[in-house]
């Protein structure tokens, strides 16, 4: 599953969010990857 979220109004920075999501993924035995939208677009350009 891919989700695009806007964290511009969040009180947590991207690196902290990425870390928290990764930790929660480990608790749930799932893999959670977070990356900036720019990286996603450059990786999937044709």
PDB file of N, CA and C in Angstrom:
ATOM      1  N   UNK A   1       0.847  -1.161   0.000  1.00  0.00           N
ATOM      2  CA  UNK A   1       0.000   0.000   0.000  1.00  0.00           C
ATOM      3  C   UNK A   1       0.899   1.232   0.000  1.00  0.00           C
ATOM      4  N   UNK A   2       0.495   2.238  -0.713  1.00  0.00           N
ATOM      5  CA  UNK A   2       1.219   3.503  -0.758  1.00  0.00           C
ATOM      6  C   UNK A   2       0.281   4.599  -0.277  1.00  0.00           C
ATOM      7  N   UNK A   3       0.796   5.430   0.619  1.00  0.00           N
ATOM      8  CA  UNK A   3       0.026   6.570   1.117  1.00  0.00           C
ATOM      9  C   UNK A   3       0.859   7.826   0.933  1.00  0.00           C
ATOM     10  N   UNK A   4       0.220   8.888   0.517  1.00  0.00           N
ATOM     11  CA  UNK A   4       0.867  10.194   0.452  1.00  0.00           C
ATOM     12  C   UNK A   4       0.197  11.049   1.518  1.00  0.00           C
ATOM     13  N   UNK A   5       1.004  11.577   2.430  1.00  0.00           N
ATOM     14  CA  UNK A   5       0.449  12.375   3.520  1.00  0.00           C
ATOM     15  C   UNK A   5       1.136  13.731   3.588  1.00  0.00           C
ATOM     16  N   UNK A   6       0.413  14.702   4.084  1.00  0.00           N
ATOM     17  CA  UNK A   6       0.935  16.058   4.261  1.00  0.00           C
ATOM     18  C   UNK A   6       1.232  16.253   5.746  1.00  0.00           C
ATOM     19  N   UNK A   7       2.509  16.422   6.074  1.00  0.00           N
ATOM     20  CA  UNK A   7       2.876  16.619   7.478  1.00  0.00           C
ATOM     21  C   UNK A   7       3.308  18.065   7.748  1.00  0.00           C
ATOM     22  N   UNK A   8       2.950  18.966   6.843  1.00  0.00           N
ATOM     23  CA  UNK A   8       3.388  20.359   6.981  1.00  0.00           C
ATOM     24  C   UNK A   8       2.854  21.023   8.249  1.00  0.00           C
ATOM     25  N   UNK A   9       1.703  20.600   8.732  1.00  0.00           N
ATOM     26  CA  UNK A   9       1.130  21.190   9.949  1.00  0.00           C
ATOM     27  C   UNK A   9       1.379  20.323  11.178  1.00  0.00           C
ATOM     28  N   UNK A  10       2.183  19.302  11.022  1.00  0.00           N
ATOM     29  CA  UNK A  10       2.487  18.394  12.125  1.00  0.00           C
ATOM     30  C   UNK A  10       3.519  19.022  13.053  1.00  0.00           C
ATOM     31  N   UNK A  11       3.481  18.613  14.313  1.00  0.00           N
ATOM     32  CA  UNK A  11       4.474  19.112  15.264  1.00  0.00           C
ATOM     33  C   UNK A  11       5.665  18.161  15.390  1.00  0.00           C
ATOM     34  N   UNK A  12       5.767  17.208  14.473  1.00  0.00           N
ATOM     35  CA  UNK A  12       6.878  16.255  14.468  1.00  0.00           C
ATOM     36  C   UNK A  12       7.583  16.350  13.118  1.00  0.00           C
ATOM     37  N   UNK A  13       8.905  16.272  13.123  1.00  0.00           N
ATOM     38  CA  UNK A  13       9.622  16.362  11.850  1.00  0.00           C
ATOM     39  C   UNK A  13       9.643  15.000  11.149  1.00  0.00           C
ATOM     40  N   UNK A  14      10.051  15.022   9.890  1.00  0.00           N
ATOM     41  CA  UNK A  14       9.992  13.821   9.060  1.00  0.00           C
ATOM     42  C   UNK A  14      10.804  12.668   9.635  1.00  0.00           C
ATOM     43  N   UNK A  15      12.027  12.947  10.085  1.00  0.00           N
ATOM     44  CA  UNK A  15      12.886  11.874  10.597  1.00  0.00           C
ATOM     45  C   UNK A  15      12.301  11.220  11.844  1.00  0.00           C
ATOM     46  N   UNK A  16      11.705  12.016  12.724  1.00  0.00           N
ATOM     47  CA  UNK A  16      11.081  11.462  13.926  1.00  0.00           C
ATOM     48  C   UNK A  16       9.860  10.620  13.554  1.00  0.00           C
ATOM     49  N   UNK A  17       9.063  11.102  12.611  1.00  0.00           N
ATOM     50  CA  UNK A  17       7.895  10.348  12.157  1.00  0.00           C
ATOM     51  C   UNK A  17       8.316   9.029  11.536  1.00  0.00           C
ATOM     52  N   UNK A  18       9.339   9.079  10.705  1.00  0.00           N
ATOM     53  CA  UNK A  18       9.851   7.868  10.058  1.00  0.00           C
ATOM     54  C   UNK A  18      10.283   6.841  11.104  1.00  0.00           C
ATOM     55  N   UNK A  19      10.965   7.296  12.136  1.00  0.00           N
ATOM     56  CA  UNK A  19      11.419   6.414  13.205  1.00  0.00           C
ATOM     57  C   UNK A  19      10.244   5.801  13.960  1.00  0.00           C
ATOM     58  N   UNK A  20       9.260   6.619  14.294  1.00  0.00           N
ATOM     59  CA  UNK A  20       8.078   6.112  15.014  1.00  0.00           C
ATOM     60  C   UNK A  20       7.304   5.094  14.178  1.00  0.00           C
ATOM     61  N   UNK A  21       7.150   5.378  12.897  1.00  0.00           N
ATOM     62  CA  UNK A  21       6.439   4.440  12.027  1.00  0.00           C
ATOM     63  C   UNK A  21       7.188   3.118  11.916  1.00  0.00           C
ATOM     64  N   UNK A  22       8.494   3.183  11.833  1.00  0.00           N
ATOM     65  CA  UNK A  22       9.304   1.972  11.755  1.00  0.00           C
ATOM     66  C   UNK A  22       9.167   1.143  13.028  1.00  0.00           C
ATOM     67  N   UNK A  23       9.206   1.805  14.172  1.00  0.00           N
ATOM     68  CA  UNK A  23       9.049   1.098  15.447  1.00  0.00           C
ATOM     69  C   UNK A  23       7.684   0.431  15.540  1.00  0.00           C
ATOM     70  N   UNK A  24       6.642   1.142  15.150  1.00  0.00           N
ATOM     71  CA  UNK A  24       5.290   0.573  15.195  1.00  0.00           C
ATOM     72  C   UNK A  24       5.174  -0.599  14.233  1.00  0.00           C
ATOM     73  N   UNK A  25       5.804  -0.496  13.083  1.00  0.00           N
ATOM     74  CA  UNK A  25       5.806  -1.599  12.130  1.00  0.00           C
ATOM     75  C   UNK A  25       6.443  -2.844  12.717  1.00  0.00           C
ATOM     76  N   UNK A  26       7.545  -2.676  13.441  1.00  0.00           N
ATOM     77  CA  UNK A  26       8.195  -3.819  14.087  1.00  0.00           C
ATOM     78  C   UNK A  26       7.271  -4.456  15.116  1.00  0.00           C
ATOM     79  N   UNK A  27       6.551  -3.634  15.876  1.00  0.00           N
ATOM     80  CA  UNK A  27       5.594  -4.157  16.860  1.00  0.00           C
ATOM     81  C   UNK A  27       4.507  -4.986  16.185  1.00  0.00           C
ATOM     82  N   UNK A  28       4.089  -4.559  15.007  1.00  0.00           N
ATOM     83  CA  UNK A  28       3.001  -5.225  14.292  1.00  0.00           C
ATOM     84  C   UNK A  28       3.493  -6.287  13.315  1.00  0.00           C
ATOM     85  N   UNK A  29       4.804  -6.478  13.260  1.00  0.00           N
ATOM     86  CA  UNK A  29       5.430  -7.452  12.354  1.00  0.00           C
ATOM     87  C   UNK A  29       5.135  -7.130  10.890  1.00  0.00           C
ATOM     88  N   UNK A  30       5.187  -5.834  10.566  1.00  0.00           N
ATOM     89  CA  UNK A  30       5.042  -5.387   9.182  1.00  0.00           C
ATOM     90  C   UNK A  30       6.176  -4.418   8.869  1.00  0.00           C
ATOM     91  N   UNK A  31       6.452  -4.247   7.601  1.00  0.00           N
ATOM     92  CA  UNK A  31       7.509  -3.321   7.185  1.00  0.00           C
ATOM     93  C   UNK A  31       6.890  -1.982   6.809  1.00  0.00           C
ATOM     94  N   UNK A  32       7.373  -0.933   7.418  1.00  0.00           N
ATOM     95  CA  UNK A  32       6.895   0.414   7.117  1.00  0.00           C
ATOM     96  C   UNK A  32       8.076   1.233   6.623  1.00  0.00           C
ATOM     97  N   UNK A  33       7.990   1.719   5.398  1.00  0.00           N
ATOM     98  CA  UNK A  33       9.020   2.584   4.832  1.00  0.00           C
ATOM     99  C   UNK A  33       8.412   3.963   4.614  1.00  0.00           C
ATOM    100  N   UNK A  34       9.151   4.974   4.978  1.00  0.00           N
ATOM    101  CA  UNK A  34       8.716   6.352   4.731  1.00  0.00           C
ATOM    102  C   UNK A  34       9.795   7.042   3.915  1.00  0.00           C
ATOM    103  N   UNK A  35       9.359   7.777   2.917  1.00  0.00           N
ATOM    104  CA  UNK A  35      10.315   8.532   2.114  1.00  0.00           C
ATOM    105  C   UNK A  35       9.660   9.821   1.662  1.00  0.00           C
ATOM    106  N   UNK A  36      10.469  10.764   1.356  1.00  0.00           N
ATOM    107  CA  UNK A  36       9.959  12.049   0.880  1.00  0.00           C
ATOM    108  C   UNK A  36       9.341  11.881  -0.509  1.00  0.00           C
ATOM    109  N   UNK A  37       8.335  12.675  -0.778  1.00  0.00           N
ATOM    110  CA  UNK A  37       7.619  12.577  -2.049  1.00  0.00           C
ATOM    111  C   UNK A  37       8.547  12.778  -3.240  1.00  0.00           C
ATOM    112  N   UNK A  38       9.517  13.675  -3.113  1.00  0.00           N
ATOM    113  CA  UNK A  38      10.433  13.933  -4.218  1.00  0.00           C
ATOM    114  C   UNK A  38      11.207  12.671  -4.594  1.00  0.00           C
ATOM    115  N   UNK A  39      11.638  11.931  -3.602  1.00  0.00           N
ATOM    116  CA  UNK A  39      12.381  10.690  -3.849  1.00  0.00           C
ATOM    117  C   UNK A  39      11.490   9.700  -4.588  1.00  0.00           C
ATOM    118  N   UNK A  40      10.253   9.565  -4.136  1.00  0.00           N
ATOM    119  CA  UNK A  40       9.310   8.647  -4.780  1.00  0.00           C
ATOM    120  C   UNK A  40       9.134   8.997  -6.255  1.00  0.00           C
ATOM    121  N   UNK A  41       8.930  10.273  -6.544  1.00  0.00           N
ATOM    122  CA  UNK A  41       8.714  10.685  -7.934  1.00  0.00           C
ATOM    123  C   UNK A  41       9.937  10.414  -8.811  1.00  0.00           C
ATOM    124  N   UNK A  42      11.122  10.701  -8.303  1.00  0.00           N
ATOM    125  CA  UNK A  42      12.326  10.459  -9.098  1.00  0.00           C
ATOM    126  C   UNK A  42      12.581   8.975  -9.310  1.00  0.00           C
ATOM    127  N   UNK A  43      12.222   8.149  -8.354  1.00  0.00           N
ATOM    128  CA  UNK A  43      12.430   6.705  -8.493  1.00  0.00           C
ATOM    129  C   UNK A  43      11.477   6.085  -9.503  1.00  0.00           C
ATOM    130  N   UNK A  44      10.305   6.685  -9.695  1.00  0.00           N
ATOM    131  CA  UNK A  44       9.280   6.080 -10.542  1.00  0.00           C
ATOM    132  C   UNK A  44       9.038   6.842 -11.841  1.00  0.00           C
ATOM    133  N   UNK A  45       9.986   7.655 -12.232  1.00  0.00           N
ATOM    134  CA  UNK A  45       9.872   8.356 -13.511  1.00  0.00           C
ATOM    135  C   UNK A  45      10.213   7.410 -14.654  1.00  0.00           C
ATOM    136  N   UNK A  46       9.547   7.604 -15.750  1.00  0.00           N
ATOM    137  CA  UNK A  46       9.834   6.792 -16.939  1.00  0.00           C
ATOM    138  C   UNK A  46      10.719   7.592 -17.861  1.00  0.00           C
TER     139      UNK A  46
END
